[in-house]
Protein backbone atom coordinates (compact mmCIF):
# COMPACT_ATOMS: atom_id res chain seq x y z
CA PHE A 1 0.02 0.02 0.10
CA GLY A 2 2.67 2.48 1.05
CA VAL A 3 5.65 3.18 -1.29
CA ALA A 4 8.39 5.80 -0.87
CA THR A 5 11.97 6.29 -2.39
CA LEU A 6 14.69 7.41 0.02
CA GLY A 7 18.48 6.99 -0.08
CA GLY A 8 18.91 4.84 -3.09
CA HIS A 9 16.09 2.56 -2.16
CA LEU A 10 12.35 1.96 -2.79
CA TYR A 11 10.55 1.22 0.39
CA VAL A 12 7.24 -0.73 0.34
CA ALA A 13 5.07 -0.99 3.45
CA ASN A 14 3.71 -4.43 3.22
CA THR A 15 1.17 -5.66 5.97
CA ASP A 16 3.78 -7.51 8.05
CA ALA A 17 7.07 -5.48 7.24
CA LEU A 18 8.73 -2.67 5.75
CA VAL A 19 10.89 -3.82 2.97
CA ARG A 20 13.33 -2.09 0.56
CA PHE A 21 14.90 -2.72 -2.82
CA PRO A 22 17.88 -0.99 -4.31
CA TYR A 23 16.46 1.63 -6.70
CA THR A 24 17.66 4.34 -9.14
CA ALA A 25 15.30 7.18 -10.29
CA GLY A 26 13.97 5.93 -13.68
CA GLN A 27 14.45 2.26 -13.11
CA LEU A 28 11.70 0.33 -14.67
CA ALA A 29 12.12 -3.08 -12.95
CA LEU A 30 13.03 -4.34 -9.38
CA THR A 31 15.51 -7.14 -9.83
CA ALA A 32 16.89 -7.61 -6.25
CA ALA A 33 15.17 -9.53 -3.49
CA PRO A 34 13.43 -7.48 -0.93
CA GLU A 35 15.48 -6.76 2.25
CA ARG A 36 13.25 -6.60 5.45
CA VAL A 37 13.90 -3.28 7.28
CA VAL A 38 11.44 -3.72 10.24
CA GLU A 39 8.62 -6.04 11.18
CA LEU A 40 5.13 -4.68 11.46
CA PRO A 41 2.13 -6.34 13.31
CA ALA A 42 -0.10 -8.15 10.99
CA GLY A 43 -2.54 -10.45 13.10
CA GLY A 44 -6.00 -10.05 14.28
CA TYR A 45 -9.47 -10.45 12.85
CA ASN A 46 -9.96 -6.81 11.43
CA ASN A 47 -6.37 -6.02 10.74
CA HIS A 48 -6.68 -2.76 8.92
CA TRP A 49 -4.18 -4.36 6.54
CA THR A 50 -2.98 -1.08 4.71
CA ARG A 51 0.38 0.50 5.79
CA ASN A 52 0.85 3.97 4.61
CA LEU A 53 4.36 5.22 4.15
CA VAL A 54 5.78 8.72 3.89
CA ALA A 55 9.52 9.73 4.06
CA HIS A 56 10.61 12.73 6.21
CA PRO A 57 11.68 15.64 4.30
CA ASP A 58 15.08 15.44 5.87
CA GLY A 59 15.74 12.14 3.99
CA ARG A 60 16.77 10.17 7.21
CA ARG A 61 13.48 8.82 8.48
CA LEU A 62 10.20 7.02 7.27
CA TYR A 63 6.86 7.01 8.95
CA VAL A 64 4.62 3.90 8.72
CA SER A 65 0.88 3.92 9.70
CA VAL A 66 -0.53 0.86 11.34
CA GLY A 67 -4.10 0.40 12.13
CA SER A 68 -5.76 -1.51 14.83
CA ALA A 69 -6.66 -5.09 14.48
CA THR A 70 -10.09 -4.47 16.07
CA ASN A 71 -12.88 -2.09 16.31
CA VAL A 72 -12.43 -0.93 20.02
CA ASP A 73 -10.16 -3.57 21.33
CA GLU A 74 -12.80 -5.21 23.58
CA GLU A 75 -10.91 -8.33 23.02
CA GLY A 76 -7.54 -7.18 24.16
CA ILE A 77 -5.76 -7.85 20.95
CA ASP A 78 -4.50 -4.33 20.27
CA ALA A 79 -3.35 -3.67 23.83
CA ARG A 80 -0.68 -6.57 23.31
CA ASP A 81 1.06 -4.40 20.89
CA PRO A 82 1.80 -0.73 21.19
CA ARG A 83 2.63 -0.64 17.45
CA ARG A 84 -1.10 -0.96 16.59
CA ALA A 85 -3.29 1.96 15.98
CA ALA A 86 -0.13 4.18 15.84
CA VAL A 87 2.29 6.02 13.52
CA LEU A 88 5.78 4.56 13.67
CA GLU A 89 9.05 6.36 12.97
CA VAL A 90 11.56 4.11 11.25
CA ASP A 91 15.34 4.94 11.01
CA PRO A 92 16.13 2.77 7.98
CA ALA A 93 20.02 2.94 8.40
CA ALA A 94 19.74 1.36 11.85
CA ARG A 95 16.70 -0.82 10.87
CA SER A 96 14.74 0.32 13.83
CA ALA A 97 11.41 1.76 14.64
CA ARG A 98 9.76 3.43 17.52
CA VAL A 99 6.23 4.48 18.17
CA PHE A 100 5.79 8.11 17.25
CA ALA A 101 2.10 8.68 18.11
CA THR A 102 -0.78 6.28 19.33
CA GLY A 103 -4.51 6.21 19.82
CA LEU A 104 -5.00 6.53 16.04
CA ARG A 105 -7.33 3.79 15.06
CA ASN A 106 -6.69 3.39 11.51
CA PRO A 107 -4.37 6.14 10.23
CA VAL A 108 -4.29 5.75 6.38
CA GLY A 109 -3.11 8.87 4.38
CA MET A 110 -0.12 10.79 5.68
CA GLY A 111 1.59 13.81 4.35
CA TRP A 112 3.92 16.72 5.27
CA GLU A 113 2.36 20.24 5.65
CA PRO A 114 4.95 22.38 3.72
CA GLU A 115 4.81 25.70 5.77
CA THR A 116 4.98 24.12 9.40
CA GLY A 117 6.68 20.86 8.49
CA ALA A 118 4.16 18.98 10.49
CA LEU A 119 3.19 15.45 9.74
CA TRP A 120 -0.71 14.93 9.17
CA ALA A 121 -2.70 11.79 8.84
CA ALA A 122 -6.15 10.93 7.77
CA VAL A 123 -7.76 8.71 10.30
CA ASN A 124 -10.65 6.16 10.24
CA GLU A 125 -12.54 6.06 13.52
CA ARG A 126 -14.35 3.27 15.33
CA ASP A 127 -17.83 1.87 14.66
CA GLY A 128 -20.81 1.19 16.91
CA LEU A 129 -21.63 4.45 18.44
CA GLY A 130 -24.20 5.50 15.87
CA ASP A 131 -24.64 7.03 12.61
CA ASP A 132 -23.13 10.39 13.78
CA LEU A 133 -20.36 9.48 16.15
CA PRO A 134 -17.51 9.54 15.96
CA PRO A 135 -16.22 11.54 13.13
CA ASP A 136 -13.29 10.34 11.03
CA TYR A 137 -10.78 13.09 10.91
CA VAL A 138 -7.56 14.64 9.45
CA THR A 139 -5.07 15.95 12.06
CA ARG A 140 -1.38 16.86 12.94
CA VAL A 141 0.37 13.83 14.32
CA ARG A 142 2.50 15.01 17.20
CA ASP A 143 5.51 12.98 18.57
CA GLY A 144 4.39 11.18 21.68
CA ALA A 145 0.62 12.16 21.44
CA PHE A 146 -2.06 9.92 22.19
CA TYR A 147 -5.35 10.52 20.19
CA GLY A 148 -7.77 8.52 22.33
CA TRP A 149 -8.37 5.12 20.67
CA PRO A 150 -9.90 2.80 22.13
CA TYR A 151 -10.75 4.65 25.23
CA ALA A 152 -11.72 8.16 23.98
CA TYR A 153 -12.78 9.75 20.73
CA TRP A 154 -12.45 13.42 19.54
CA GLY A 155 -10.45 14.33 22.66
CA PRO A 156 -11.83 13.52 26.11
CA HIS A 157 -15.10 11.89 25.01
CA GLU A 158 -14.94 8.59 26.72
CA ASP A 159 -16.20 5.39 24.75
CA PRO A 160 -18.82 3.78 26.81
CA ARG A 161 -17.62 0.42 26.01
CA HIS A 162 -14.33 1.33 27.88
CA ALA A 163 -15.95 3.31 30.57
CA GLY A 164 -13.60 3.82 33.67
CA ARG A 165 -10.96 1.68 32.38
CA ARG A 166 -8.37 4.32 31.65
CA PRO A 167 -9.37 7.70 32.88
CA ASP A 168 -5.66 8.78 32.60
CA LEU A 169 -5.71 8.19 28.89
CA VAL A 170 -9.00 9.74 28.31
CA ARG A 171 -7.81 13.00 29.95
CA ARG A 172 -4.65 12.90 27.80
CA ALA A 173 -6.40 12.30 24.66
CA VAL A 174 -5.60 14.95 21.95
CA ALA A 175 -8.66 16.30 20.04
CA PRO A 176 -8.04 16.08 16.13
CA ASP A 177 -7.81 19.15 13.91
CA PHE A 178 -10.67 18.61 11.46
CA ALA A 179 -13.58 16.26 11.20
CA THR A 180 -14.38 14.75 7.91
CA GLY A 181 -17.74 13.15 9.10
CA ALA A 182 -18.75 10.00 10.75
CA HIS A 183 -17.96 6.81 8.67
CA THR A 184 -16.60 8.83 5.73
CA ALA A 185 -13.50 6.35 5.53
CA THR A 186 -11.25 9.29 4.69
CA LEU A 187 -8.29 7.59 2.98
CA ASP A 188 -5.82 10.35 2.14
CA LEU A 189 -4.99 14.12 2.26
CA LEU A 190 -2.88 16.46 0.04
CA PHE A 191 -1.22 19.74 0.76
CA PRO A 192 -1.24 21.85 -2.51
């Protein structure tokens, strides 16, 4: 789903791993075998299989979106892996990744806002709270921020299916920047 070029490589975000191929601009075929850069979580029943990928403008890092494996993790599947419902920052030189931001149920489209340099994402929210809640959204993705999923939505609005479980995270939940409407399944964003 996600493809990016960086430092003489073509990176591909597969469901279970970020891989790369040697690549030169204009090359029409990939002849080398893929090299696994970092593993990505792939299990679960819902999975949100897509992995978006964007290179940082500094040319040293990549960002990979990983959706939840469930709707609101009532099963406890996502809680076992902090890389789920998150944006990961990858250092391809070190072949390592860290969690950049969490609580993003299914972050799909990502892009860099050209004036501020902020990373933004389009996020698909949870189901089961009605036709009008919660809204899908686009938002700045801040390093270390928690955006609420699965305990809260749109800032500190507690999901009743997790009532009282994590009041600390509900209080900490960052409200997104722009709503796109409930169940719109917004997939991408673009800065002109």
